C-alpha atoms as a PDB file:
ATOM      1  CA  MET A   1      -7.799   6.425 -33.433  1.00  0.00           C
ATOM      2  CA  ILE A   2      -9.654   5.456 -30.358  1.00  0.00           C
ATOM      3  CA  THR A   3      -6.542   5.193 -28.434  1.00  0.00           C
ATOM      4  CA  LYS A   4      -5.195   8.667 -29.510  1.00  0.00           C
ATOM      5  CA  ILE A   5      -8.468  10.214 -28.508  1.00  0.00           C
ATOM      6  CA  ALA A   6      -8.435   8.460 -25.158  1.00  0.00           C
ATOM      7  CA  LEU A   7      -4.649   9.656 -24.702  1.00  0.00           C
ATOM      8  CA  ILE A   8      -5.650  13.154 -25.396  1.00  0.00           C
ATOM      9  CA  ALA A   9      -8.553  12.996 -22.944  1.00  0.00           C
ATOM     10  CA  ALA A  10      -6.139  11.501 -20.472  1.00  0.00           C
ATOM     11  CA  VAL A  11      -3.991  14.633 -20.613  1.00  0.00           C
ATOM     12  CA  ILE A  12      -6.627  17.054 -20.762  1.00  0.00           C
ATOM     13  CA  LEU A  13      -8.726  15.714 -17.934  1.00  0.00           C
ATOM     14  CA  PRO A  14      -6.286  16.454 -15.242  1.00  0.00           C
ATOM     15  CA  LEU A  15      -5.673  19.759 -16.415  1.00  0.00           C
ATOM     16  CA  TRP A  16      -9.253  20.759 -15.046  1.00  0.00           C
ATOM     17  CA  ASN A  17      -7.495  20.813 -11.644  1.00  0.00           C
ATOM     18  CA  ILE A  18      -5.617  24.002 -12.826  1.00  0.00           C
ATOM     19  CA  PRO A  19      -8.569  26.336 -12.368  1.00  0.00           C
ATOM     20  CA  LEU A  20      -9.302  24.985  -8.945  1.00  0.00           C
ATOM     21  CA  ILE A  21      -5.742  25.686  -7.845  1.00  0.00           C
ATOM     22  CA  LEU A  22      -5.907  29.336  -9.196  1.00  0.00           C
ATOM     23  CA  ARG A  23      -9.381  29.817  -7.823  1.00  0.00           C
ATOM     24  CA  ILE A  24      -7.728  28.856  -4.361  1.00  0.00           C
ATOM     25  CA  ILE A  25      -4.635  31.022  -4.809  1.00  0.00           C
ATOM     26  CA  LYS A  26      -6.854  33.979  -6.102  1.00  0.00           C
ATOM     27  CA  ARG A  27      -9.208  33.883  -2.953  1.00  0.00           C
ATOM     28  CA  LYS A  28      -6.379  33.000  -0.740  1.00  0.00           C
ATOM     29  CA  SER A  29      -8.646  30.460   0.924  1.00  0.00           C
ATOM     30  CA  ALA A  30      -9.307  26.672   0.696  1.00  0.00           C
ATOM     31  CA  GLU A  31     -12.054  26.713   3.421  1.00  0.00           C
ATOM     32  CA  ASP A  32     -14.583  25.281   0.857  1.00  0.00           C
ATOM     33  CA  ILE A  33     -12.333  22.296   0.213  1.00  0.00           C
ATOM     34  CA  SER A  34     -12.686  19.345   2.740  1.00  0.00           C
ATOM     35  CA  LEU A  35      -9.347  18.141   3.627  1.00  0.00           C
ATOM     36  CA  TYR A  36     -10.764  14.718   4.180  1.00  0.00           C
ATOM     37  CA  TRP A  37     -11.863  14.764   0.432  1.00  0.00           C
ATOM     38  CA  ALA A  38      -8.616  15.890  -0.856  1.00  0.00           C
ATOM     39  CA  PHE A  39      -6.522  13.367   1.235  1.00  0.00           C
ATOM     40  CA  GLY A  40      -8.920  10.584   0.487  1.00  0.00           C
ATOM     41  CA  VAL A  41      -8.741  11.127  -3.233  1.00  0.00           C
ATOM     42  CA  TRP A  42      -4.883  11.537  -3.210  1.00  0.00           C
ATOM     43  CA  ILE A  43      -4.512   8.533  -1.226  1.00  0.00           C
ATOM     44  CA  CYS A  44      -6.439   6.540  -3.641  1.00  0.00           C
ATOM     45  CA  LEU A  45      -4.547   7.963  -6.482  1.00  0.00           C
ATOM     46  CA  MET A  46      -1.287   6.871  -4.756  1.00  0.00           C
ATOM     47  CA  LEU A  47      -2.497   3.281  -4.160  1.00  0.00           C
ATOM     48  CA  MET A  48      -3.531   2.996  -7.961  1.00  0.00           C
ATOM     49  CA  PHE A  49      -0.261   4.507  -9.077  1.00  0.00           C
ATOM     50  CA  PRO A  50       1.898   1.436  -9.003  1.00  0.00           C
ATOM     51  CA  GLN A  51      -0.567  -0.608 -11.114  1.00  0.00           C
ATOM     52  CA  ALA A  52      -0.790   2.041 -13.587  1.00  0.00           C
ATOM     53  CA  LEU A  53       3.215   2.348 -14.021  1.00  0.00           C
ATOM     54  CA  THR A  54       3.184  -1.475 -14.605  1.00  0.00           C
ATOM     55  CA  SER A  55       0.433  -1.442 -17.015  1.00  0.00           C
ATOM     56  CA  LYS A  56       0.793  -1.716 -20.799  1.00  0.00           C
ATOM     57  CA  ASP A  57      -2.207   0.697 -21.232  1.00  0.00           C
ATOM     58  CA  ILE A  58      -0.573   3.819 -22.229  1.00  0.00           C
ATOM     59  CA  VAL A  59      -3.804   5.911 -21.601  1.00  0.00           C
ATOM     60  CA  TRP A  60      -4.176   4.582 -18.046  1.00  0.00           C
ATOM     61  CA  LYS A  61      -0.459   5.158 -17.372  1.00  0.00           C
ATOM     62  CA  THR A  62      -0.467   8.724 -18.992  1.00  0.00           C
ATOM     63  CA  PHE A  63      -3.688   9.665 -17.041  1.00  0.00           C
ATOM     64  CA  SER A  64      -2.441   8.340 -13.741  1.00  0.00           C
ATOM     65  CA  ILE A  65       0.858  10.245 -14.097  1.00  0.00           C
ATOM     66  CA  ALA A  66      -0.903  13.620 -15.052  1.00  0.00           C
ATOM     67  CA  ASN A  67      -3.675  13.047 -12.431  1.00  0.00           C
ATOM     68  CA  LEU A  68      -1.193  12.356  -9.717  1.00  0.00           C
ATOM     69  CA  ILE A  69       1.001  15.380 -10.377  1.00  0.00           C
ATOM     70  CA  LEU A  70      -1.893  17.889 -10.683  1.00  0.00           C
ATOM     71  CA  PHE A  71      -3.980  16.496  -7.868  1.00  0.00           C
ATOM     72  CA  SER A  72      -0.875  16.795  -5.692  1.00  0.00           C
ATOM     73  CA  ALA A  73      -0.610  20.256  -6.602  1.00  0.00           C
ATOM     74  CA  VAL A  74      -4.315  20.584  -5.327  1.00  0.00           C
ATOM     75  CA  VAL A  75      -3.741  18.956  -2.008  1.00  0.00           C
ATOM     76  CA  ALA A  76      -0.721  21.091  -1.540  1.00  0.00           C
ATOM     77  CA  THR A  77      -2.552  24.282  -2.403  1.00  0.00           C
ATOM     78  CA  THR A  78      -5.376  23.436  -0.138  1.00  0.00           C
ATOM     79  CA  VAL A  79      -3.216  22.719   2.835  1.00  0.00           C
ATOM     80  CA  VAL A  80      -1.233  25.981   2.401  1.00  0.00           C
ATOM     81  CA  PHE A  81      -4.277  28.046   2.086  1.00  0.00           C
ATOM     82  CA  ARG A  82      -6.375  26.418   4.828  1.00  0.00           C
ATOM     83  CA  LYS A  83      -6.868  28.546   7.614  1.00  0.00           C
ATOM     84  CA  PRO A  84      -6.729  26.796  11.220  1.00  0.00           C
ATOM     85  CA  GLN A  85      -9.965  26.383  12.847  1.00  0.00           C
ATOM     86  CA  LYS A  86     -10.988  28.929  15.454  1.00  0.00           C
ATOM     87  CA  THR A  87     -11.905  27.661  18.719  1.00  0.00           C
ATOM     88  CA  ASN A  88     -14.039  29.376  21.465  1.00  0.00           C
ATOM     89  CA  ASP A  89     -11.950  28.633  24.169  1.00  0.00           C
ATOM     90  CA  LYS A  90     -11.672  31.605  26.567  1.00  0.00           C
ATOM     91  CA  ALA A  91      -9.350  29.992  28.802  1.00  0.00           C
END
């Protein structure tokens, strides 16, 4: 029973990335999202992913796969909707 509940949570938790993606698309801006944060989290997820794939723990494996897929979408959306920094160069 505990494993089933955890497995459901492992699938649901990464789904909370979807409202963030939709909000970025709706506003057509990701200016409030730090690229350092987005890539930092994504790199950590990538580094943990091989261990998750080799784990016998179905909850950890499921969570890692779902989270990597959906957070990759967050990073991609953030990059696409990130406007270039304006510089004050008058040259």
